Amino acid sequence: MTGPTPTSKPASLDPTTCHFVVVEDESLLRDLLANSLSQTFAPAALHAFAEGRAALRHCLSHPVQLLLVDLGLPGLDGREVIRQVRARDARVRVIVLTAQADAALPAELIALGVAGFVDKGSPLEHAMRAVERVLAGGMYFFAGVMPQGSRFALHPSAPGRVSAAVLSARERDVARLVASGLTSKEIAQQLALSVRTVDNYRANVMQKVGVRDAVSLARWWLEQGRA
C-alpha cells in the first residue's frame, strides 16, 4: 500500500549513543533510576543530579539527548530547567517525573516541549517504557492521566495557525494517534498500514502544520481542541 511522498522521518535514537541526565532529589529513586537506565539501555553517558542548578549547568555545557527530571526540585524548579535546556537545544527529549499527576498537567507539559511524564508512585517499568517510547520518537503519559479533549486545549488556535481542515481524513487519524503518544509502528498496527506509509503521512502532516517533532504536533493538535 502506498502513501504520500515522505518529506522527513521522525528520528529514533540509539540509546547506546545517547547522553542521559536524571534529575531527582530523592536519593533512593535517583539511584534506582540511574541503575535501571544503565542496565536497560546502556547509554553512552549517564549523569544524575539531586538539584536543578547543577543539572542545568551540566546540560548547558554538554550535548544531552534525554533528560528525566522531577518538577519539584531544590535550587531550581524542574519547569525552569526544562525551559532553559530546550531553549538551548529543542532536540533534547524530556520525560518528567512527578507526584503531581493531575488532569491539567499533560497540556502544561506539552506546552513546555515535554515528550512524556511518569507518576513517581507508579512501578519503575513505567519509566523504562517511557524512555523506550520517547527514544523511538513517540510520547508517553502516565496511563491514569492522558491529554484529551478540548478541556486540555492550551489556547484557541491563533490567527495564522494552520487548521486541521488542511489535513486529509487519514492524516487527521495519524495526527490524533501521534498526539496520543503512539510510535509509527504502533500507529501502523492500529490503522493496518505499513510503518513506511505511516511515516510518510506523519511527515506530510508535520510539513502542512509547520512542526518538526511529535511534541510540537501534539501541542498543535491540542490547540485545535481535539481528542
N, C-alpha and C. Protein backbone atom coordinates (compact mmCIF):
# COMPACT_ATOMS: atom_id res chain seq x y z
N MET A 1 0.85 -1.21 0.00
CA MET A 1 0.00 0.00 0.00
C MET A 1 0.87 1.24 0.00
N THR A 2 0.51 2.21 -0.81
CA THR A 2 1.35 3.40 -0.92
C THR A 2 0.73 4.57 -0.20
N GLY A 3 1.54 5.56 0.08
CA GLY A 3 1.07 6.76 0.76
C GLY A 3 1.75 7.95 0.15
N PRO A 4 1.64 9.09 0.78
CA PRO A 4 2.25 10.31 0.25
C PRO A 4 3.76 10.23 0.30
N THR A 5 4.39 11.02 -0.53
CA THR A 5 5.85 11.05 -0.57
C THR A 5 6.40 11.64 0.71
N PRO A 6 7.41 10.98 1.36
CA PRO A 6 7.92 11.49 2.63
C PRO A 6 8.71 12.77 2.45
N THR A 7 8.62 13.64 3.42
CA THR A 7 9.43 14.86 3.43
C THR A 7 10.49 14.79 4.53
N SER A 8 10.22 14.05 5.59
CA SER A 8 11.18 13.85 6.67
C SER A 8 10.75 12.63 7.44
N LYS A 9 11.61 12.12 8.29
CA LYS A 9 11.30 10.91 9.02
C LYS A 9 11.57 11.16 10.51
N PRO A 10 10.59 10.82 11.37
CA PRO A 10 10.81 11.01 12.80
C PRO A 10 12.04 10.26 13.26
N ALA A 11 12.87 10.92 14.03
CA ALA A 11 14.14 10.33 14.45
C ALA A 11 13.94 9.34 15.58
N SER A 12 14.55 8.18 15.44
CA SER A 12 14.61 7.19 16.51
C SER A 12 16.05 7.17 16.99
N LEU A 13 16.26 7.32 18.28
CA LEU A 13 17.61 7.43 18.82
C LEU A 13 18.10 6.09 19.36
N ASP A 14 19.34 5.77 19.05
CA ASP A 14 20.00 4.58 19.61
C ASP A 14 20.50 4.95 21.00
N PRO A 15 19.96 4.32 22.05
CA PRO A 15 20.36 4.73 23.41
C PRO A 15 21.85 4.57 23.69
N THR A 16 22.52 3.64 22.99
CA THR A 16 23.95 3.42 23.25
C THR A 16 24.80 4.58 22.74
N THR A 17 24.19 5.50 21.98
CA THR A 17 24.93 6.69 21.52
C THR A 17 24.47 7.94 22.26
N CYS A 18 23.58 7.78 23.23
CA CYS A 18 22.94 8.93 23.88
C CYS A 18 23.55 9.28 25.23
N HIS A 19 23.39 10.54 25.59
CA HIS A 19 23.77 11.05 26.91
C HIS A 19 22.48 11.27 27.69
N PHE A 20 22.29 10.51 28.76
CA PHE A 20 21.11 10.62 29.62
C PHE A 20 21.45 11.49 30.83
N VAL A 21 20.49 12.31 31.26
CA VAL A 21 20.62 13.05 32.51
C VAL A 21 19.38 12.80 33.35
N VAL A 22 19.58 12.43 34.62
CA VAL A 22 18.50 12.22 35.57
C VAL A 22 18.60 13.29 36.65
N VAL A 23 17.47 13.96 36.93
CA VAL A 23 17.45 14.98 37.98
C VAL A 23 16.32 14.64 38.95
N GLU A 24 16.69 14.18 40.12
CA GLU A 24 15.72 13.72 41.12
C GLU A 24 16.31 13.91 42.50
N ASP A 25 15.58 14.62 43.39
CA ASP A 25 16.15 14.93 44.69
C ASP A 25 16.04 13.78 45.70
N GLU A 26 15.18 12.81 45.46
CA GLU A 26 15.08 11.66 46.35
C GLU A 26 16.19 10.66 45.99
N SER A 27 17.14 10.49 46.88
CA SER A 27 18.35 9.73 46.56
C SER A 27 18.05 8.28 46.18
N LEU A 28 17.12 7.65 46.87
CA LEU A 28 16.80 6.25 46.58
C LEU A 28 16.24 6.10 45.17
N LEU A 29 15.29 6.96 44.81
CA LEU A 29 14.71 6.89 43.47
C LEU A 29 15.73 7.28 42.41
N ARG A 30 16.55 8.28 42.71
CA ARG A 30 17.58 8.70 41.75
C ARG A 30 18.54 7.55 41.44
N ASP A 31 19.01 6.87 42.47
CA ASP A 31 19.93 5.76 42.26
C ASP A 31 19.25 4.60 41.54
N LEU A 32 17.99 4.36 41.89
CA LEU A 32 17.25 3.27 41.26
C LEU A 32 17.06 3.55 39.77
N LEU A 33 16.70 4.77 39.44
CA LEU A 33 16.53 5.14 38.04
C LEU A 33 17.84 5.04 37.27
N ALA A 34 18.90 5.57 37.85
CA ALA A 34 20.19 5.56 37.17
C ALA A 34 20.66 4.12 36.91
N ASN A 35 20.51 3.26 37.90
CA ASN A 35 20.94 1.87 37.73
C ASN A 35 20.08 1.15 36.69
N SER A 36 18.78 1.36 36.75
CA SER A 36 17.87 0.69 35.81
C SER A 36 18.10 1.17 34.39
N LEU A 37 18.30 2.48 34.22
CA LEU A 37 18.57 3.02 32.89
C LEU A 37 19.88 2.48 32.33
N SER A 38 20.89 2.39 33.16
CA SER A 38 22.17 1.86 32.71
C SER A 38 22.06 0.41 32.26
N GLN A 39 21.35 -0.38 33.05
CA GLN A 39 21.21 -1.80 32.74
C GLN A 39 20.30 -2.04 31.54
N THR A 40 19.25 -1.25 31.42
CA THR A 40 18.26 -1.47 30.36
C THR A 40 18.70 -0.92 29.02
N PHE A 41 19.32 0.27 29.02
CA PHE A 41 19.60 0.95 27.76
C PHE A 41 21.09 1.11 27.45
N ALA A 42 21.96 0.92 28.42
CA ALA A 42 23.40 1.08 28.22
C ALA A 42 23.76 2.36 27.48
N PRO A 43 23.33 3.52 27.99
CA PRO A 43 23.63 4.78 27.29
C PRO A 43 25.12 5.05 27.27
N ALA A 44 25.54 5.87 26.30
CA ALA A 44 26.95 6.22 26.19
C ALA A 44 27.42 6.97 27.43
N ALA A 45 26.53 7.78 28.02
CA ALA A 45 26.85 8.52 29.24
C ALA A 45 25.56 8.71 30.04
N LEU A 46 25.69 8.68 31.35
CA LEU A 46 24.55 8.94 32.22
C LEU A 46 25.03 9.70 33.44
N HIS A 47 24.41 10.85 33.71
CA HIS A 47 24.74 11.64 34.88
C HIS A 47 23.47 11.90 35.68
N ALA A 48 23.60 11.81 36.99
CA ALA A 48 22.44 12.00 37.87
C ALA A 48 22.71 13.15 38.83
N PHE A 49 21.69 13.98 39.06
CA PHE A 49 21.81 15.16 39.90
C PHE A 49 20.66 15.22 40.90
N ALA A 50 20.95 15.82 42.06
CA ALA A 50 19.95 15.93 43.12
C ALA A 50 19.23 17.28 43.12
N GLU A 51 19.76 18.25 42.38
CA GLU A 51 19.12 19.56 42.36
C GLU A 51 19.24 20.21 40.98
N GLY A 52 18.38 21.21 40.76
CA GLY A 52 18.20 21.75 39.43
C GLY A 52 19.35 22.55 38.87
N ARG A 53 20.00 23.38 39.69
CA ARG A 53 21.03 24.28 39.16
C ARG A 53 22.23 23.49 38.62
N ALA A 54 22.68 22.49 39.37
CA ALA A 54 23.83 21.69 38.92
C ALA A 54 23.47 20.94 37.63
N ALA A 55 22.25 20.42 37.58
CA ALA A 55 21.81 19.71 36.37
C ALA A 55 21.77 20.64 35.17
N LEU A 56 21.26 21.86 35.38
CA LEU A 56 21.18 22.81 34.28
C LEU A 56 22.56 23.19 33.77
N ARG A 57 23.49 23.46 34.68
CA ARG A 57 24.86 23.79 34.26
C ARG A 57 25.43 22.67 33.40
N HIS A 58 25.20 21.44 33.81
CA HIS A 58 25.72 20.30 33.05
C HIS A 58 25.08 20.24 31.67
N CYS A 59 23.74 20.39 31.62
CA CYS A 59 23.03 20.27 30.35
C CYS A 59 23.38 21.39 29.38
N LEU A 60 23.70 22.55 29.90
CA LEU A 60 24.05 23.68 29.04
C LEU A 60 25.48 23.61 28.53
N SER A 61 26.29 22.75 29.13
CA SER A 61 27.69 22.66 28.71
C SER A 61 28.04 21.31 28.07
N HIS A 62 27.05 20.41 27.97
CA HIS A 62 27.27 19.10 27.34
C HIS A 62 26.10 18.77 26.42
N PRO A 63 26.36 18.05 25.33
CA PRO A 63 25.24 17.61 24.49
C PRO A 63 24.45 16.52 25.20
N VAL A 64 23.16 16.73 25.35
CA VAL A 64 22.29 15.79 26.05
C VAL A 64 21.15 15.39 25.11
N GLN A 65 20.85 14.12 25.07
CA GLN A 65 19.74 13.66 24.23
C GLN A 65 18.46 13.38 25.02
N LEU A 66 18.61 12.93 26.28
CA LEU A 66 17.43 12.59 27.08
C LEU A 66 17.57 13.14 28.49
N LEU A 67 16.54 13.87 28.92
CA LEU A 67 16.50 14.45 30.26
C LEU A 67 15.29 13.91 31.01
N LEU A 68 15.53 13.24 32.14
CA LEU A 68 14.47 12.81 33.04
C LEU A 68 14.54 13.70 34.26
N VAL A 69 13.48 14.45 34.52
CA VAL A 69 13.57 15.50 35.54
C VAL A 69 12.32 15.55 36.40
N ASP A 70 12.52 15.69 37.71
CA ASP A 70 11.42 15.91 38.65
C ASP A 70 10.99 17.37 38.55
N LEU A 71 9.72 17.65 38.78
CA LEU A 71 9.26 19.03 38.75
C LEU A 71 9.62 19.79 40.03
N GLY A 72 9.47 19.12 41.17
CA GLY A 72 9.73 19.78 42.45
C GLY A 72 11.15 19.57 42.91
N LEU A 73 12.05 20.45 42.48
CA LEU A 73 13.47 20.30 42.78
C LEU A 73 13.96 21.43 43.68
N PRO A 74 14.93 21.14 44.54
CA PRO A 74 15.59 22.21 45.28
C PRO A 74 16.54 22.98 44.36
N GLY A 75 16.72 24.24 44.63
CA GLY A 75 17.68 25.04 43.86
C GLY A 75 17.07 25.69 42.64
N LEU A 76 16.39 24.93 41.82
CA LEU A 76 15.78 25.45 40.61
C LEU A 76 14.64 24.52 40.22
N ASP A 77 13.47 25.08 40.00
CA ASP A 77 12.28 24.30 39.66
C ASP A 77 12.49 23.51 38.37
N GLY A 78 11.94 22.29 38.33
CA GLY A 78 12.09 21.44 37.16
C GLY A 78 11.57 22.08 35.89
N ARG A 79 10.50 22.85 35.97
CA ARG A 79 9.96 23.52 34.80
C ARG A 79 10.98 24.50 34.21
N GLU A 80 11.70 25.21 35.07
CA GLU A 80 12.69 26.16 34.59
C GLU A 80 13.89 25.44 33.97
N VAL A 81 14.25 24.32 34.55
CA VAL A 81 15.31 23.50 33.95
C VAL A 81 14.92 23.11 32.53
N ILE A 82 13.70 22.64 32.37
CA ILE A 82 13.21 22.23 31.06
C ILE A 82 13.23 23.40 30.08
N ARG A 83 12.71 24.55 30.51
CA ARG A 83 12.66 25.72 29.63
C ARG A 83 14.05 26.09 29.12
N GLN A 84 15.02 26.15 30.04
CA GLN A 84 16.35 26.61 29.63
C GLN A 84 17.08 25.56 28.80
N VAL A 85 16.91 24.30 29.13
CA VAL A 85 17.57 23.24 28.35
C VAL A 85 17.01 23.21 26.93
N ARG A 86 15.70 23.28 26.79
CA ARG A 86 15.10 23.22 25.45
C ARG A 86 15.26 24.53 24.69
N ALA A 87 15.43 25.63 25.39
CA ALA A 87 15.72 26.88 24.70
C ALA A 87 17.08 26.81 24.02
N ARG A 88 18.00 26.09 24.66
CA ARG A 88 19.34 25.92 24.08
C ARG A 88 19.33 24.89 22.97
N ASP A 89 18.59 23.79 23.18
CA ASP A 89 18.56 22.72 22.18
C ASP A 89 17.19 22.04 22.24
N ALA A 90 16.33 22.39 21.29
CA ALA A 90 14.96 21.85 21.27
C ALA A 90 14.92 20.38 20.91
N ARG A 91 16.07 19.81 20.53
CA ARG A 91 16.09 18.38 20.20
C ARG A 91 16.15 17.50 21.43
N VAL A 92 16.46 18.08 22.59
CA VAL A 92 16.53 17.29 23.82
C VAL A 92 15.14 16.73 24.14
N ARG A 93 15.08 15.42 24.36
CA ARG A 93 13.81 14.78 24.69
C ARG A 93 13.67 14.72 26.21
N VAL A 94 12.51 15.16 26.69
CA VAL A 94 12.32 15.34 28.12
C VAL A 94 11.18 14.46 28.63
N ILE A 95 11.45 13.75 29.73
CA ILE A 95 10.44 12.99 30.45
C ILE A 95 10.39 13.54 31.86
N VAL A 96 9.20 13.86 32.33
CA VAL A 96 9.02 14.42 33.66
C VAL A 96 8.64 13.32 34.65
N LEU A 97 9.26 13.37 35.81
CA LEU A 97 8.91 12.51 36.94
C LEU A 97 8.15 13.38 37.93
N THR A 98 6.97 12.96 38.31
CA THR A 98 6.20 13.83 39.19
C THR A 98 5.26 13.06 40.10
N ALA A 99 5.00 13.65 41.25
CA ALA A 99 3.96 13.12 42.14
C ALA A 99 2.70 13.96 42.00
N GLN A 100 2.70 14.90 41.05
CA GLN A 100 1.58 15.82 40.86
C GLN A 100 0.79 15.44 39.61
N ALA A 101 0.31 14.22 39.55
CA ALA A 101 -0.34 13.72 38.34
C ALA A 101 -1.79 14.16 38.25
N ASP A 102 -2.01 15.46 38.11
CA ASP A 102 -3.38 15.96 37.99
C ASP A 102 -3.77 16.09 36.53
N ALA A 103 -5.06 16.26 36.29
CA ALA A 103 -5.59 16.21 34.92
C ALA A 103 -5.09 17.33 34.02
N ALA A 104 -4.72 18.47 34.60
CA ALA A 104 -4.27 19.61 33.78
C ALA A 104 -2.80 19.51 33.39
N LEU A 105 -2.07 18.58 33.98
CA LEU A 105 -0.62 18.55 33.79
C LEU A 105 -0.18 18.22 32.36
N PRO A 106 -0.78 17.24 31.68
CA PRO A 106 -0.28 16.91 30.34
C PRO A 106 -0.21 18.09 29.39
N ALA A 107 -1.25 18.91 29.34
CA ALA A 107 -1.25 20.05 28.42
C ALA A 107 -0.15 21.05 28.79
N GLU A 108 0.04 21.26 30.09
CA GLU A 108 1.10 22.18 30.54
C GLU A 108 2.47 21.66 30.11
N LEU A 109 2.69 20.36 30.28
CA LEU A 109 3.99 19.79 29.95
C LEU A 109 4.24 19.78 28.45
N ILE A 110 3.21 19.48 27.67
CA ILE A 110 3.35 19.51 26.22
C ILE A 110 3.73 20.92 25.76
N ALA A 111 3.14 21.93 26.42
CA ALA A 111 3.49 23.31 26.08
C ALA A 111 4.96 23.61 26.34
N LEU A 112 5.55 22.90 27.29
CA LEU A 112 6.98 23.06 27.60
C LEU A 112 7.87 22.24 26.67
N GLY A 113 7.26 21.39 25.85
CA GLY A 113 8.04 20.55 24.95
C GLY A 113 8.38 19.19 25.54
N VAL A 114 7.68 18.80 26.60
CA VAL A 114 7.94 17.51 27.25
C VAL A 114 7.33 16.39 26.42
N ALA A 115 8.06 15.29 26.28
CA ALA A 115 7.58 14.16 25.48
C ALA A 115 6.80 13.15 26.29
N GLY A 116 6.81 13.27 27.62
CA GLY A 116 6.02 12.36 28.42
C GLY A 116 6.24 12.60 29.90
N PHE A 117 5.38 11.96 30.71
CA PHE A 117 5.61 12.04 32.14
C PHE A 117 5.18 10.76 32.82
N VAL A 118 5.81 10.51 33.96
CA VAL A 118 5.60 9.28 34.72
C VAL A 118 5.30 9.65 36.17
N ASP A 119 4.27 9.08 36.72
CA ASP A 119 3.95 9.26 38.13
C ASP A 119 5.03 8.56 38.96
N LYS A 120 5.62 9.30 39.90
CA LYS A 120 6.69 8.74 40.72
C LYS A 120 6.22 7.57 41.58
N GLY A 121 4.90 7.46 41.78
CA GLY A 121 4.38 6.37 42.57
C GLY A 121 4.09 5.12 41.77
N SER A 122 4.28 5.18 40.44
CA SER A 122 4.00 4.03 39.59
C SER A 122 5.20 3.08 39.56
N PRO A 123 5.02 1.83 39.12
CA PRO A 123 6.14 0.90 39.04
C PRO A 123 7.26 1.42 38.14
N LEU A 124 8.48 1.02 38.45
CA LEU A 124 9.65 1.50 37.71
C LEU A 124 9.55 1.17 36.23
N GLU A 125 8.88 0.10 35.89
CA GLU A 125 8.76 -0.29 34.49
C GLU A 125 8.09 0.79 33.65
N HIS A 126 7.24 1.62 34.27
CA HIS A 126 6.60 2.71 33.53
C HIS A 126 7.66 3.71 33.05
N ALA A 127 8.62 4.01 33.90
CA ALA A 127 9.69 4.93 33.50
C ALA A 127 10.52 4.34 32.36
N MET A 128 10.81 3.03 32.44
CA MET A 128 11.59 2.40 31.39
C MET A 128 10.80 2.37 30.08
N ARG A 129 9.51 2.14 30.18
CA ARG A 129 8.65 2.14 28.99
C ARG A 129 8.60 3.53 28.38
N ALA A 130 8.54 4.55 29.24
CA ALA A 130 8.52 5.93 28.75
C ALA A 130 9.79 6.25 27.98
N VAL A 131 10.93 5.86 28.53
CA VAL A 131 12.21 6.12 27.86
C VAL A 131 12.25 5.40 26.51
N GLU A 132 11.83 4.15 26.48
CA GLU A 132 11.83 3.39 25.24
C GLU A 132 10.99 4.07 24.17
N ARG A 133 9.78 4.50 24.56
CA ARG A 133 8.88 5.11 23.60
C ARG A 133 9.38 6.47 23.13
N VAL A 134 9.89 7.29 24.04
CA VAL A 134 10.37 8.62 23.68
C VAL A 134 11.60 8.52 22.78
N LEU A 135 12.49 7.60 23.06
CA LEU A 135 13.65 7.42 22.19
C LEU A 135 13.24 6.97 20.80
N ALA A 136 12.12 6.25 20.72
CA ALA A 136 11.62 5.77 19.43
C ALA A 136 10.89 6.85 18.64
N GLY A 137 10.77 8.05 19.24
CA GLY A 137 10.12 9.15 18.56
C GLY A 137 8.67 9.36 18.94
N GLY A 138 8.20 8.60 19.95
CA GLY A 138 6.82 8.74 20.41
C GLY A 138 6.72 9.57 21.67
N MET A 139 5.56 9.48 22.32
CA MET A 139 5.31 10.17 23.58
C MET A 139 4.76 9.17 24.57
N TYR A 140 4.87 9.50 25.84
CA TYR A 140 4.37 8.59 26.87
C TYR A 140 3.81 9.40 28.02
N PHE A 141 2.55 9.13 28.35
CA PHE A 141 1.93 9.77 29.50
C PHE A 141 1.41 8.71 30.44
N PHE A 142 1.59 8.95 31.72
CA PHE A 142 1.09 8.04 32.74
C PHE A 142 -0.35 7.67 32.42
N ALA A 143 -0.64 6.36 32.40
CA ALA A 143 -1.93 5.88 31.91
C ALA A 143 -3.12 6.49 32.64
N GLY A 144 -2.94 6.88 33.90
CA GLY A 144 -4.06 7.42 34.65
C GLY A 144 -4.42 8.84 34.27
N VAL A 145 -3.53 9.54 33.56
CA VAL A 145 -3.78 10.94 33.20
C VAL A 145 -3.29 11.18 31.78
N MET A 146 -4.20 11.24 30.83
CA MET A 146 -3.84 11.44 29.43
C MET A 146 -4.37 12.79 28.95
N PRO A 147 -3.64 13.43 28.02
CA PRO A 147 -4.17 14.66 27.44
C PRO A 147 -5.30 14.32 26.49
N GLN A 148 -6.50 14.85 26.72
CA GLN A 148 -7.61 14.52 25.83
C GLN A 148 -8.67 15.59 25.89
N GLY A 149 -9.32 15.79 24.77
CA GLY A 149 -10.49 16.65 24.72
C GLY A 149 -10.17 18.13 24.78
N SER A 150 -11.17 18.91 24.52
CA SER A 150 -10.99 20.36 24.43
C SER A 150 -10.68 20.98 25.77
N ARG A 151 -11.01 20.33 26.89
CA ARG A 151 -10.72 20.95 28.18
C ARG A 151 -9.23 21.00 28.46
N PHE A 152 -8.42 20.28 27.63
CA PHE A 152 -6.98 20.37 27.78
C PHE A 152 -6.35 21.23 26.69
N ALA A 153 -7.18 21.88 25.88
CA ALA A 153 -6.62 22.73 24.85
C ALA A 153 -5.79 23.84 25.49
N LEU A 154 -4.64 24.11 24.93
CA LEU A 154 -3.73 25.09 25.52
C LEU A 154 -4.26 26.51 25.33
N HIS A 155 -4.77 26.79 24.18
CA HIS A 155 -5.43 28.06 23.90
C HIS A 155 -6.09 27.92 22.54
N PRO A 156 -7.08 28.75 22.21
CA PRO A 156 -7.69 28.67 20.88
C PRO A 156 -6.65 28.91 19.80
N SER A 157 -6.87 28.31 18.66
CA SER A 157 -5.91 28.49 17.57
C SER A 157 -5.73 29.97 17.26
N ALA A 158 -4.48 30.37 17.25
CA ALA A 158 -4.18 31.78 17.00
C ALA A 158 -4.35 32.10 15.52
N PRO A 159 -4.63 33.36 15.18
CA PRO A 159 -4.72 33.74 13.78
C PRO A 159 -3.45 33.35 13.04
N GLY A 160 -3.61 32.75 11.87
CA GLY A 160 -2.45 32.37 11.09
C GLY A 160 -2.01 30.94 11.35
N ARG A 161 -2.48 30.33 12.45
CA ARG A 161 -2.12 28.94 12.69
C ARG A 161 -2.91 28.06 11.75
N VAL A 162 -2.31 26.98 11.29
CA VAL A 162 -2.95 26.09 10.34
C VAL A 162 -4.06 25.31 11.01
N SER A 163 -5.19 25.21 10.35
CA SER A 163 -6.33 24.45 10.86
C SER A 163 -6.20 22.99 10.46
N ALA A 164 -6.82 22.11 11.24
CA ALA A 164 -6.84 20.69 10.92
C ALA A 164 -7.57 20.41 9.62
N ALA A 165 -8.32 21.39 9.13
CA ALA A 165 -9.06 21.21 7.88
C ALA A 165 -8.13 21.01 6.68
N VAL A 166 -6.86 21.39 6.81
CA VAL A 166 -5.93 21.21 5.69
C VAL A 166 -5.51 19.76 5.54
N LEU A 167 -5.81 18.94 6.53
CA LEU A 167 -5.39 17.54 6.52
C LEU A 167 -6.48 16.65 5.92
N SER A 168 -6.03 15.59 5.28
CA SER A 168 -6.98 14.58 4.82
C SER A 168 -7.48 13.79 6.02
N ALA A 169 -8.52 12.98 5.83
CA ALA A 169 -9.06 12.17 6.92
C ALA A 169 -8.00 11.24 7.48
N ARG A 170 -7.21 10.62 6.61
CA ARG A 170 -6.16 9.71 7.09
C ARG A 170 -5.07 10.47 7.81
N GLU A 171 -4.72 11.65 7.32
CA GLU A 171 -3.71 12.46 8.01
C GLU A 171 -4.20 12.87 9.39
N ARG A 172 -5.49 13.17 9.52
CA ARG A 172 -6.04 13.51 10.84
C ARG A 172 -5.97 12.30 11.77
N ASP A 173 -6.22 11.10 11.22
CA ASP A 173 -6.08 9.89 12.03
C ASP A 173 -4.66 9.76 12.58
N VAL A 174 -3.69 9.96 11.70
CA VAL A 174 -2.29 9.83 12.10
C VAL A 174 -1.93 10.91 13.11
N ALA A 175 -2.36 12.15 12.87
CA ALA A 175 -2.07 13.24 13.81
C ALA A 175 -2.64 12.94 15.19
N ARG A 176 -3.87 12.45 15.22
CA ARG A 176 -4.52 12.13 16.50
C ARG A 176 -3.73 11.06 17.26
N LEU A 177 -3.27 10.05 16.55
CA LEU A 177 -2.56 8.95 17.22
C LEU A 177 -1.15 9.36 17.65
N VAL A 178 -0.50 10.21 16.85
CA VAL A 178 0.80 10.75 17.27
C VAL A 178 0.62 11.56 18.55
N ALA A 179 -0.44 12.39 18.58
CA ALA A 179 -0.70 13.22 19.76
C ALA A 179 -1.07 12.38 20.98
N SER A 180 -1.53 11.15 20.74
CA SER A 180 -1.84 10.24 21.85
C SER A 180 -0.59 9.54 22.38
N GLY A 181 0.55 9.77 21.70
CA GLY A 181 1.80 9.21 22.18
C GLY A 181 2.26 7.95 21.49
N LEU A 182 1.57 7.53 20.42
CA LEU A 182 1.94 6.28 19.76
C LEU A 182 3.12 6.49 18.82
N THR A 183 3.93 5.46 18.68
CA THR A 183 5.02 5.46 17.71
C THR A 183 4.47 5.09 16.34
N SER A 184 5.28 5.27 15.31
CA SER A 184 4.85 4.92 13.96
C SER A 184 4.48 3.44 13.86
N LYS A 185 5.24 2.59 14.51
CA LYS A 185 4.94 1.15 14.47
C LYS A 185 3.58 0.85 15.09
N GLU A 186 3.29 1.50 16.22
CA GLU A 186 2.01 1.28 16.89
C GLU A 186 0.85 1.83 16.07
N ILE A 187 1.07 2.98 15.43
CA ILE A 187 0.04 3.56 14.57
C ILE A 187 -0.21 2.65 13.37
N ALA A 188 0.86 2.11 12.79
CA ALA A 188 0.72 1.21 11.65
C ALA A 188 -0.13 0.00 12.01
N GLN A 189 0.09 -0.55 13.20
CA GLN A 189 -0.69 -1.70 13.63
C GLN A 189 -2.16 -1.34 13.82
N GLN A 190 -2.42 -0.17 14.36
CA GLN A 190 -3.79 0.25 14.64
C GLN A 190 -4.56 0.57 13.36
N LEU A 191 -3.88 1.14 12.36
CA LEU A 191 -4.55 1.56 11.13
C LEU A 191 -4.39 0.55 10.00
N ALA A 192 -3.69 -0.55 10.27
CA ALA A 192 -3.46 -1.59 9.25
C ALA A 192 -2.71 -1.02 8.04
N LEU A 193 -1.66 -0.27 8.33
CA LEU A 193 -0.80 0.30 7.31
C LEU A 193 0.62 -0.17 7.55
N SER A 194 1.48 0.04 6.57
CA SER A 194 2.90 -0.23 6.79
C SER A 194 3.51 0.91 7.59
N VAL A 195 4.62 0.63 8.27
CA VAL A 195 5.31 1.68 9.03
C VAL A 195 5.78 2.78 8.09
N ARG A 196 6.25 2.39 6.91
CA ARG A 196 6.72 3.39 5.94
C ARG A 196 5.59 4.33 5.53
N THR A 197 4.39 3.77 5.31
CA THR A 197 3.26 4.60 4.93
C THR A 197 2.89 5.57 6.05
N VAL A 198 2.91 5.08 7.29
CA VAL A 198 2.62 5.95 8.43
C VAL A 198 3.66 7.06 8.51
N ASP A 199 4.94 6.71 8.34
CA ASP A 199 5.99 7.73 8.37
C ASP A 199 5.76 8.78 7.30
N ASN A 200 5.29 8.34 6.12
CA ASN A 200 5.02 9.29 5.04
C ASN A 200 3.88 10.24 5.42
N TYR A 201 2.78 9.68 5.95
CA TYR A 201 1.67 10.52 6.38
C TYR A 201 2.12 11.49 7.48
N ARG A 202 2.87 10.95 8.42
CA ARG A 202 3.32 11.74 9.57
C ARG A 202 4.20 12.91 9.11
N ALA A 203 5.10 12.63 8.16
CA ALA A 203 5.97 13.67 7.66
C ALA A 203 5.17 14.75 6.93
N ASN A 204 4.18 14.33 6.14
CA ASN A 204 3.36 15.31 5.42
C ASN A 204 2.51 16.15 6.37
N VAL A 205 1.99 15.52 7.42
CA VAL A 205 1.23 16.27 8.43
C VAL A 205 2.12 17.35 9.04
N MET A 206 3.32 16.96 9.44
CA MET A 206 4.23 17.92 10.08
C MET A 206 4.58 19.06 9.14
N GLN A 207 4.77 18.73 7.86
CA GLN A 207 5.08 19.79 6.89
C GLN A 207 3.89 20.74 6.73
N LYS A 208 2.68 20.19 6.66
CA LYS A 208 1.50 21.03 6.45
C LYS A 208 1.23 21.96 7.63
N VAL A 209 1.44 21.46 8.85
CA VAL A 209 1.11 22.29 10.02
C VAL A 209 2.32 23.05 10.56
N GLY A 210 3.50 22.78 9.98
CA GLY A 210 4.68 23.57 10.32
C GLY A 210 5.34 23.20 11.62
N VAL A 211 5.40 21.89 11.92
CA VAL A 211 6.08 21.44 13.13
C VAL A 211 7.14 20.41 12.74
N ARG A 212 8.05 20.13 13.69
CA ARG A 212 9.18 19.25 13.37
C ARG A 212 9.25 17.98 14.20
N ASP A 213 8.44 17.88 15.27
CA ASP A 213 8.55 16.70 16.12
C ASP A 213 7.20 16.34 16.71
N ALA A 214 7.15 15.16 17.37
CA ALA A 214 5.89 14.66 17.90
C ALA A 214 5.32 15.56 18.99
N VAL A 215 6.18 16.13 19.81
CA VAL A 215 5.69 17.00 20.89
C VAL A 215 5.02 18.24 20.31
N SER A 216 5.64 18.85 19.30
CA SER A 216 5.05 20.04 18.68
C SER A 216 3.75 19.70 17.97
N LEU A 217 3.70 18.51 17.37
CA LEU A 217 2.46 18.09 16.72
C LEU A 217 1.35 17.87 17.75
N ALA A 218 1.69 17.27 18.88
CA ALA A 218 0.70 17.08 19.95
C ALA A 218 0.20 18.41 20.47
N ARG A 219 1.10 19.38 20.63
CA ARG A 219 0.70 20.70 21.09
C ARG A 219 -0.25 21.35 20.09
N TRP A 220 0.08 21.25 18.80
CA TRP A 220 -0.81 21.80 17.76
C TRP A 220 -2.17 21.11 17.80
N TRP A 221 -2.18 19.80 17.95
CA TRP A 221 -3.44 19.04 17.97
C TRP A 221 -4.32 19.49 19.14
N LEU A 222 -3.70 19.67 20.30
CA LEU A 222 -4.45 20.14 21.46
C LEU A 222 -4.98 21.55 21.25
N GLU A 223 -4.21 22.37 20.55
CA GLU A 223 -4.67 23.73 20.26
C GLU A 223 -5.93 23.73 19.40
N GLN A 224 -6.12 22.65 18.64
CA GLN A 224 -7.33 22.54 17.83
C GLN A 224 -8.54 22.15 18.67
N GLY A 225 -8.28 21.80 19.96
CA GLY A 225 -9.37 21.36 20.83
C GLY A 225 -9.87 19.99 20.46
N ARG A 226 -8.94 19.14 19.99
CA ARG A 226 -9.32 17.82 19.52
C ARG A 226 -8.87 16.74 20.49
N ALA A 227 -9.63 15.63 20.57
CA ALA A 227 -9.28 14.50 21.41
C ALA A 227 -8.54 13.48 20.60
